[in-house]
Each structure stands twice: as C-alpha cells, then as structure tokens.
C-alpha cells in the first residue's frame, strides 16, 4: 500500500509540474475571485474591431499590432456590472493599449466598433496609465480627452501613480466598478476615483491600439463579481396608464401625465405666477448614496432635481441640494437652498461655458441631468458630460429626491425617465477603501 500511495503522489506531482504557472499562482487563493483566462486558450473571449492578433504564449495573452490595423479588442463573451478586476500587463513593444470594461459594440461598416469605458495603458513619457477614456463615444469632445479629472483634483496622488508605473516590466492593474463609482489602481497605488452613470454593465476587453507598433502581454486576469446595479423608476406604466411610485405630488393640480406624437409619455408640470408655493414631486424614501437622473424639456420658468433634501415648513417645502434645471448656463450647477430658519449656501459649483455647448433647446431634443453622490463626493452631469465635481463635507448626508416647479413664476416643464440607483452600505465601503 505504501508503494502504491507513493507512486500516486509522484504521479500527481508530475501533473502539477505540467500545469501552466498561472493556474497555481497565489491569485487563485484570493477569496471570491475567478479566472477569466485559463492560461492556455482564448476560450470565453472573442475578437472585435481591427486585425491585430491575439495568441497564448507561456501562460500569457499576447496582443500584437498588424500593419494598417485599426483598434482591436479581445472581448469577454460574458458581461459584468459591479466587480473588482485584477490583471498584470506588460508593454513589450511600445504602443498604446487599454482595458475596456462595461463596454459594448455596434456595427460600423463591415466591422464591430467597440465603445465604452477604457482603463488606459500608456507607456509614453506622458504616462496616463489607469486614467479613464471613453472609447468610441465621449473622448476628445469639448476640449476633454478623459472622463476623469484626476490631475486637477489630486495632482499629488496622480504624480505618485505615474511614478509607480514600471516601463517595460509587469504592472498590476486593478479596476473597481460599484454602481456609478469607478476606481483604478496601478501597482497598488490609487489613480482614478470618479463617478459616471452611462453604463452599469458590459464586457471586458483587451485593446491593441492602432499605430506603428505595439505588443502587449496580459496574465493573471481574474474578477470578483458583485452582480449589477439597477435603476428604479419613479414613473411607471400600470393598467390605467402612467403613475407615480415611491413618490407623491405636492400641488397635484400642477402635474399630469400626457402623451404626444414623437415625444412619448411624459409628466407635464405647469405652474402659474399667482401660486407662491413650489409644485413638487417628492420621493417617499430617503437616499444617502445614489445616482439619480431625469430627462426633461424646459419651456419656461425654473426647476431642479432636489437631492438629500429635507421637508421644511416653507412655501418651497424642500431644503438642501438642487441640481439646477433652468434652461440656461446654470444647468446642472449645484445650488444649496435655505430652510425656514437655516441659511442656504448658494452656488457650490457650475460650468456655464460647457453647459452652453451641450444644452438642448426644447425644439431640438431632450436634456438629462444626473446627480451621483457617495459620502461628501458629489458629481453632476448634463447630457452625459460632467459639470460639477466637488467634495462637500459640510452638506446633508441623506434626504429626499424631488422635482421642482418654482413658486411665484410661470413654469412649463416636461419630465420623463425619473429614476434612482441606490448605493448600498456594502458598495460604499468598497468605494471608500
């Protein structure tokens, strides 16, 4: 029996020696992580875009540019929403690259054009590695290349991240998505800490960028999956048409669901100058950390997407933050309004120049404003572009969401797609780690 067991152990030991190194690395012991790459094949991955090549070599995925190649992507067949993704990469022959996440593809000629979030891999002297670019969508618009503003809000931290990158060597990249929060790390050093609300799920992809040359290696690709966050609407369609859920109307006579050809169903808010009180849609629940958005048209007057607001005995009823809806350059600015005995703080941030470039008039389309808030970090958006990004430790930490028709003024507003995406305490702990 001893001889049989000894032979068996030798046999097992021999098999282990034949397994690629990646399959027995410490990464497999990380709790909750699963491998996206088996170290031997490209099973579970598909190529999209240009003609760059991908192959497996020595337990690594090797991506190599071909002459005349467009951007090329090796994409996971599975989609992911909230996750922590870890991988090691090395730029062996200099050339731009990146890791796509929460991404998608669309037909473009005879190819598939990949678009979505990209964690940059930049071996150049500029070294923007781990910054977030919006591939095939919002990059290089309105004098903005990047979705994040890391060098502006954390210059010292960004310099440390640049110094952490090791040119020509293996580098550890980490990407975390939790609802609207996106964070990145390079070799354990934090880089990006931003909000964006456009995509909550999609595939992961490894990019070989168009250019004169490029050879990139990836290994130890593993992910911890936390499911996908979902938007919860305040307007829903029932048997008797559209109705409010988890919210109530203040001055109900000011509100009505209507339908118009080419516009679909919307909530009309109409307010006269003779009425001193605000007309409001107020959420039943309180929201601490969240993303909230609404699509609208302004025909006259002033409005807002309230957040972290408290009810007070005043004609305007709500006190707290407003994501401004005004039909002018103040759109998506953050205004803090007063209560019955407490002063408001006025404007906390706005970007009139950018707003004037991207805001739509009622004749040429709908606008969307969004607020993302987690702890003191608050970001607002207009039509998918960041307008205000602040840290506000003095502000309210919880409150109601609401839509406003400003009192003592003529207001005509149309609203649709009013919804919220909660950030749970578990998500916040990861966002703030």
Foldseek 3Di string as FASTA:
>chain_A
DVVVVVVVVVVVVVVVVVQQPQVPDCLVVPPQKDFPDRLAALPQKDKFAWDWDWDHDSSKIKTKDDPPTAKMKIWGPDKAFFKKKKKKKAWQDDAWKWKFHLWDWDDDPPTTAIWAWTQTDHLDPVQPGRFIATGPDPAPPPNHHGQFPQCVPPVPLQVVQSVLDDHRDMWMKMWGDFQQWIWIGINNRTTGTDGFHDGRMDIMIIIGHDDDITMMIMHPIMMRGDHTFDKDFQWDQDPVGIDGDQKDKDPCVQWDWDQDVPPGIWIKGWAALVFQAKIKIKGNDKAQFWKWKKKKAWPDAWKWWDHLWAAAPDSDRTFFWTLTDHQALQHRWIAGCAHPPGHTDGTPFFDSVVCVVPPDHPVPDMKMKMWGDAAQWIWIDIRRGTTDTDRHNPGRRMHMIMMIGHHSHTTIMIIDDTIMTGRDPVNSVVSVD
